[in-house]
Protein backbone atom coordinates (compact mmCIF):
# COMPACT_ATOMS: atom_id res chain seq x y z
CA UNK A 1 190.99 -64.70 115.97
CA UNK A 2 192.08 -61.96 118.32
CA UNK A 3 193.29 -58.79 116.64
CA UNK A 4 196.91 -57.72 117.37
CA UNK A 5 195.74 -54.21 118.29
CA UNK A 6 193.25 -53.49 121.10
CA UNK A 7 190.06 -51.44 120.88
CA UNK A 8 191.06 -47.79 121.17
CA UNK A 9 188.55 -45.14 122.26
CA UNK A 10 185.73 -47.42 121.18
CA UNK A 11 187.24 -48.24 117.77
CA UNK A 12 188.61 -51.66 116.92
CA UNK A 13 191.40 -52.08 114.35
CA UNK A 14 190.66 -52.43 110.65
CA UNK A 15 192.43 -55.02 108.52
CA UNK A 16 193.33 -55.72 104.91
CA UNK A 17 194.64 -58.94 103.39
CA UNK A 18 198.18 -58.93 102.00
CA UNK A 19 197.83 -60.83 98.69
CA UNK A 20 200.49 -62.04 96.34
CA UNK A 21 201.86 -59.29 94.11
CA UNK A 22 204.94 -57.49 92.77
CA UNK A 23 205.01 -54.48 95.08
CA UNK A 24 208.62 -53.68 96.05
CA UNK A 25 207.71 -52.15 99.40
CA UNK A 26 204.72 -52.28 101.72
CA UNK A 27 204.34 -48.53 100.97
CA UNK A 28 203.76 -49.31 97.28
CA UNK A 29 200.96 -51.73 98.13
CA UNK A 30 199.36 -49.22 100.50
CA UNK A 31 199.56 -46.41 97.95
CA UNK A 32 197.75 -48.56 95.36
CA UNK A 33 195.05 -49.80 97.74
CA UNK A 34 194.53 -46.51 99.62
CA UNK A 35 195.36 -43.68 97.18
CA UNK A 36 193.47 -41.20 99.35
CA UNK A 37 195.72 -41.84 102.39
CA UNK A 38 198.97 -39.83 102.48
CA UNK A 39 202.27 -41.65 102.86
CA UNK A 40 202.96 -39.59 105.97
CA UNK A 41 199.87 -41.06 107.62
CA UNK A 42 201.19 -44.62 107.24
CA UNK A 43 204.62 -43.54 108.52
CA UNK A 44 203.02 -41.95 111.59
CA UNK A 45 201.01 -45.10 112.27
CA UNK A 46 204.15 -47.21 112.00
CA UNK A 47 206.00 -44.87 114.39
CA UNK A 48 203.27 -45.51 116.97
CA UNK A 49 203.50 -49.27 116.44
CA UNK A 50 200.04 -49.36 114.81
CA UNK A 51 200.83 -51.40 111.67
CA UNK A 52 200.86 -55.09 112.60
CA UNK A 53 200.36 -58.59 111.29
CA UNK A 54 197.99 -61.02 112.99
CA UNK A 55 200.90 -62.50 114.98
CA UNK A 56 201.70 -59.06 116.43
CA UNK A 57 204.74 -58.37 114.22
CA UNK A 58 205.20 -54.62 113.75
CA UNK A 59 205.49 -53.52 110.11
CA UNK A 60 206.93 -50.43 108.45
CA UNK A 61 205.94 -48.97 105.06
CA UNK A 62 209.55 -48.90 103.83
CA UNK A 63 210.20 -52.60 104.41
CA UNK A 64 210.00 -55.08 101.49
CA UNK A 65 206.48 -56.26 100.72
CA UNK A 66 205.72 -59.73 102.05
CA UNK A 67 202.48 -61.43 101.05
CA UNK A 68 200.40 -63.49 103.45
CA UNK A 69 198.08 -62.83 106.32
CA UNK A 70 196.63 -59.40 106.96
CA UNK A 71 197.72 -55.92 107.97
CA UNK A 72 195.98 -54.36 110.98
CA UNK A 73 195.74 -50.62 111.58
CA UNK A 74 193.43 -47.99 113.08
CA UNK A 75 191.20 -46.15 110.65
CA UNK A 76 191.29 -42.39 111.22
CA UNK A 77 189.34 -39.40 109.90
CA UNK A 78 190.78 -35.91 109.62
CA UNK A 79 187.37 -34.42 110.38
CA UNK A 80 184.00 -35.87 111.24
CA UNK A 81 180.60 -34.17 111.57
CA UNK A 82 179.19 -34.35 115.08
CA UNK A 83 175.74 -35.92 115.41
CA UNK A 84 173.92 -33.88 118.11
CA UNK A 85 171.49 -36.63 119.16
CA UNK A 86 171.83 -39.34 121.78
CA UNK A 87 170.70 -42.95 121.88
CA UNK A 88 168.67 -44.28 124.80
CA UNK A 89 169.40 -47.58 126.53
CA UNK A 90 166.20 -49.66 126.63
CA UNK A 91 167.50 -52.96 128.06
CA UNK A 92 170.75 -54.56 129.20
CA UNK A 93 171.54 -58.04 130.48
CA UNK A 94 174.41 -60.51 130.21
CA UNK A 95 173.46 -61.39 126.62
CA UNK A 96 171.73 -58.43 125.01
CA UNK A 97 171.81 -54.67 124.76
CA UNK A 98 168.73 -52.96 123.27
CA UNK A 99 169.19 -49.35 122.23
CA UNK A 100 166.78 -46.70 120.92
CA UNK A 101 168.72 -45.02 118.09
CA UNK A 102 168.06 -41.42 117.03
CA UNK A 103 167.71 -40.29 113.42
CA UNK A 104 170.96 -39.45 111.58
CA UNK A 105 173.25 -41.62 113.74
CA UNK A 106 174.93 -44.50 111.82
CA UNK A 107 175.01 -47.90 113.51
CA UNK A 108 178.57 -48.85 112.48
CA UNK A 109 181.63 -46.96 111.17
CA UNK A 110 181.58 -46.31 107.42
CA UNK A 111 182.41 -43.52 105.03
CA UNK A 112 182.72 -40.18 106.83
CA UNK A 113 181.60 -41.53 110.23
CA UNK A 114 183.72 -43.27 112.85
CA UNK A 115 183.42 -41.87 116.38
CA UNK A 116 179.94 -40.54 115.59
CA UNK A 117 178.39 -43.99 115.27
CA UNK A 118 176.17 -45.92 117.64
CA UNK A 119 178.56 -48.87 118.00
CA UNK A 120 181.63 -46.78 118.82
CA UNK A 121 179.72 -44.54 121.21
CA UNK A 122 178.39 -47.56 123.11
CA UNK A 123 181.79 -49.27 123.31
CA UNK A 124 183.35 -46.09 124.63
CA UNK A 125 180.58 -45.17 127.09
CA UNK A 126 179.85 -48.66 128.45
CA UNK A 127 183.31 -50.20 128.20
CA UNK A 128 181.99 -53.13 126.14
CA UNK A 129 184.78 -53.69 123.63
CA UNK A 130 183.24 -56.92 122.32
CA UNK A 131 179.85 -55.42 121.49
CA UNK A 132 178.43 -56.50 118.09
CA UNK A 133 175.19 -55.35 116.40
CA UNK A 134 172.81 -58.20 115.58
CA UNK A 135 171.17 -56.24 112.72
CA UNK A 136 171.32 -52.80 111.13
CA UNK A 137 169.18 -49.72 110.64
CA UNK A 138 169.70 -47.06 107.99
CA UNK A 139 171.33 -43.91 109.31
CA UNK A 140 168.13 -41.98 108.64
CA UNK A 141 165.88 -44.46 110.46
CA UNK A 142 165.31 -44.16 114.21
CA UNK A 143 164.38 -46.89 116.67
CA UNK A 144 165.48 -50.19 118.14
CA UNK A 145 168.85 -51.82 117.52
CA UNK A 146 169.87 -55.06 119.26
CA UNK A 147 173.48 -55.83 120.20
CA UNK A 148 175.16 -59.02 121.38
CA UNK A 149 177.18 -58.62 124.59
CA UNK A 150 178.42 -62.19 125.09
CA UNK A 151 180.54 -63.79 122.32
CA UNK A 152 179.74 -67.28 123.61
CA UNK A 153 176.00 -66.91 122.94
CA UNK A 154 176.24 -64.48 120.00
CA UNK A 155 175.64 -67.08 117.31
CA UNK A 156 172.33 -68.17 118.88
CA UNK A 157 170.99 -64.62 118.71
CA UNK A 158 172.43 -63.88 115.27
CA UNK A 159 170.52 -66.82 113.82
CA UNK A 160 167.21 -65.24 114.82
CA UNK A 161 167.40 -62.71 112.00
CA UNK A 162 168.17 -64.75 108.86
CA UNK A 163 165.66 -67.39 109.98
CA UNK A 164 162.95 -64.68 110.36
CA UNK A 165 162.39 -65.61 113.98
CA UNK A 166 162.18 -61.93 114.96
CA UNK A 167 158.92 -60.04 114.48
CA UNK A 168 159.84 -56.45 113.58
CA UNK A 169 157.31 -53.63 113.50
CA UNK A 170 158.01 -50.22 112.01
CA UNK A 171 156.03 -47.00 111.99
CA UNK A 172 156.04 -44.42 109.20
CA UNK A 173 154.37 -41.14 108.30
CA UNK A 174 153.43 -40.90 104.64
CA UNK A 175 150.67 -39.56 102.36
CA UNK A 176 147.25 -41.14 102.88
CA UNK A 177 146.04 -43.73 100.38
CA UNK A 178 142.23 -43.45 100.54
CA UNK A 179 141.71 -45.44 97.36
CA UNK A 180 143.79 -48.40 98.46
CA UNK A 181 142.24 -51.06 100.73
CA UNK A 182 144.46 -51.72 103.73
CA UNK A 183 145.86 -53.85 105.25
CA UNK A 184 147.70 -55.35 102.28
CA UNK A 185 150.81 -57.35 101.58
CA UNK A 186 153.06 -55.66 99.06
CA UNK A 187 155.38 -58.08 97.30
CA UNK A 188 157.98 -57.18 94.66
CA UNK A 189 161.42 -57.97 93.31
CA UNK A 190 164.01 -55.52 94.65
CA UNK A 191 167.32 -55.05 92.85
CA UNK A 192 170.20 -52.59 93.14
CA UNK A 193 169.37 -49.34 91.38
CA UNK A 194 171.13 -46.19 90.21
CA UNK A 195 173.14 -44.85 91.92
CA UNK A 196 174.34 -48.00 93.70
CA UNK A 197 172.94 -47.00 97.10
CA UNK A 198 169.33 -46.95 95.88
CA UNK A 199 167.06 -49.92 95.26
CA UNK A 200 164.40 -50.42 92.58
CA UNK A 201 161.47 -52.69 91.87
CA UNK A 202 161.90 -54.97 88.84
CA UNK A 203 160.04 -57.63 86.93
CA UNK A 204 160.44 -61.18 88.14
CA UNK A 205 159.86 -63.36 91.17
CA UNK A 206 159.27 -61.35 94.34
CA UNK A 207 162.07 -61.34 96.90
CA UNK A 208 160.54 -58.81 99.31
CA UNK A 209 157.27 -58.61 101.21
CA UNK A 210 155.79 -56.03 103.59
CA UNK A 211 152.52 -56.04 105.52
CA UNK A 212 151.13 -52.48 105.44
CA UNK A 213 148.36 -51.22 107.74
CA UNK A 214 146.94 -47.79 108.51
CA UNK A 215 147.20 -46.88 112.20
CA UNK A 216 145.84 -43.35 112.12
CA UNK A 217 144.75 -40.66 109.65
CA UNK A 218 146.50 -37.48 110.73
CA UNK A 219 145.13 -34.79 108.47
CA UNK A 220 147.07 -32.60 106.03
CA UNK A 221 147.00 -35.58 103.70
CA UNK A 222 149.15 -37.76 105.96
CA UNK A 223 148.62 -41.07 107.73
CA UNK A 224 150.54 -43.07 110.29
CA UNK A 225 151.33 -46.56 108.96
CA UNK A 226 152.24 -49.79 110.73
CA UNK A 227 154.75 -51.71 108.64
CA UNK A 228 155.84 -55.29 109.20
CA UNK A 229 158.70 -56.40 106.93
CA UNK A 230 158.38 -60.12 106.24
CA UNK A 231 161.72 -60.03 104.42
CA UNK A 232 164.77 -57.87 105.08
CA UNK A 233 165.84 -56.21 101.83
CA UNK A 234 167.77 -52.93 101.80
CA UNK A 235 165.42 -49.89 101.87
CA UNK A 236 162.47 -52.28 101.54
CA UNK A 237 159.93 -50.21 103.45
CA UNK A 238 160.92 -46.98 101.74
CA UNK A 239 160.69 -48.50 98.25
CA UNK A 240 157.39 -50.28 98.92
CA UNK A 241 155.57 -47.22 100.24
CA UNK A 242 156.93 -45.05 97.43
CA UNK A 243 155.77 -47.64 94.88
CA UNK A 244 152.23 -47.38 96.29
CA UNK A 245 152.27 -43.60 95.91
CA UNK A 246 153.00 -42.82 99.56
CA UNK A 247 156.71 -41.99 99.93
CA UNK A 248 157.75 -41.62 103.56
CA UNK A 249 157.87 -38.04 104.79
CA UNK A 250 161.31 -36.45 104.22
CA UNK A 251 162.66 -39.39 102.19
CA UNK A 252 165.46 -37.96 100.02
CA UNK A 253 165.99 -41.23 98.07
CA UNK A 254 162.48 -42.30 96.99
CA UNK A 255 160.68 -41.97 94.71
CA UNK A 256 163.28 -39.55 93.31
CA UNK A 257 166.82 -38.87 94.48
CA UNK A 258 167.17 -35.35 95.82
CA UNK A 259 170.46 -33.41 95.52
CA UNK A 260 172.97 -34.35 98.22
CA UNK A 261 172.99 -31.66 100.90
CA UNK A 262 174.20 -31.35 104.47
CA UNK A 263 172.00 -33.14 107.01
CA UNK A 264 168.87 -31.12 107.74
CA UNK A 265 168.16 -31.99 111.35
CA UNK A 266 164.82 -30.17 111.17
CA UNK A 267 163.42 -32.73 108.72
CA UNK A 268 164.33 -36.31 109.71
CA UNK A 269 163.01 -39.28 107.75
CA UNK A 270 159.72 -40.22 109.40
CA UNK A 271 160.50 -43.92 109.78
CA UNK A 272 160.85 -45.65 113.16
CA UNK A 273 161.77 -49.20 114.15
CA UNK A 274 158.99 -49.34 116.75
CA UNK A 275 159.13 -52.86 118.23
CA UNK A 276 160.75 -56.30 118.14
CA UNK A 277 159.44 -59.59 119.50
CA UNK A 278 161.11 -63.01 119.59
CA UNK A 279 161.50 -66.17 121.64
CA UNK A 280 164.80 -66.06 123.51
CA UNK A 281 167.02 -68.81 122.02
CA UNK A 282 168.52 -69.60 125.44
CA UNK A 283 165.45 -69.65 127.68
CA UNK A 284 162.47 -69.82 125.30
CA UNK A 285 160.89 -66.84 127.05
CA UNK A 286 159.19 -64.19 124.93
CA UNK A 287 161.20 -60.98 124.60
CA UNK A 288 159.38 -57.81 123.55
CA UNK A 289 160.95 -54.35 123.29
CA UNK A 290 159.41 -51.05 122.17
CA UNK A 291 160.92 -47.74 121.11
CA UNK A 292 160.04 -44.69 123.18
CA UNK A 293 160.56 -42.26 120.30
CA UNK A 294 157.75 -40.49 118.44
CA UNK A 295 157.45 -39.48 114.81
CA UNK A 296 156.40 -35.88 114.17
CA UNK A 297 154.24 -34.82 111.20
CA UNK A 298 155.25 -31.24 111.96
CA UNK A 299 158.74 -31.95 110.56
CA UNK A 300 157.47 -32.51 107.00
CA UNK A 301 159.69 -30.65 104.56
CA UNK A 302 157.53 -28.48 102.27
CA UNK A 303 160.14 -28.89 99.53
């Protein structure tokens, strides 16, 4: 369904369901669900006409709470760190946008990032309000991200990913493994770890699989690896290489979680989504895209 608020400066409206409950006013519901948002912020949004139901009805925090439907509003951040790196457009047609993402740039708004995300930047710069990512990359990973341009064909392209119809190739710099015969297929069971944003290998039936090959021995104890994920689990490549004794250069999550610090732009995670290949679901033609970015062993953090 169409949202009752338009895309503004590249950002579409957020929404929250209005469930049944005993809140006297809409403000009471909002205070419980968003304790970090000041009451004045909701009042200012209402004054600008930016609190609405799906049918376009304008709401006000002081009015009696009425369950049903959803509340639409614009998410805002008081401050946001600027990401000083730019994405590169690799391909554009009536159906697809293929973009070469830099390290550190999130794909979609979340947490402390809104304007400084790949999706919002592209909407704003290209005027494509209906743009939707077909898959995701971690903020720390660079490389190719595919977007759907046309809502009418979006479902055909989205189905390529869960059905494993897309061949994805990654590149990573990590310690050499001279005692391990490569190529190999590493299979394991990945579950949510501690803290919640990390993953861990566990006993049980494997739910993740990666084909790992050595591309080049670089010296200084490092090698360049070609990685082909045959499944798409969160942090799969990072966990699998760390489990083999070759954690990716500058990985702050694996094998051990490092203290949270400000982004160190001198030492990006040396992981790159290098290439994608698939049969176009509309034409049957083979589509093949490659990243133009390069990993750099010189960025290895001595710490």
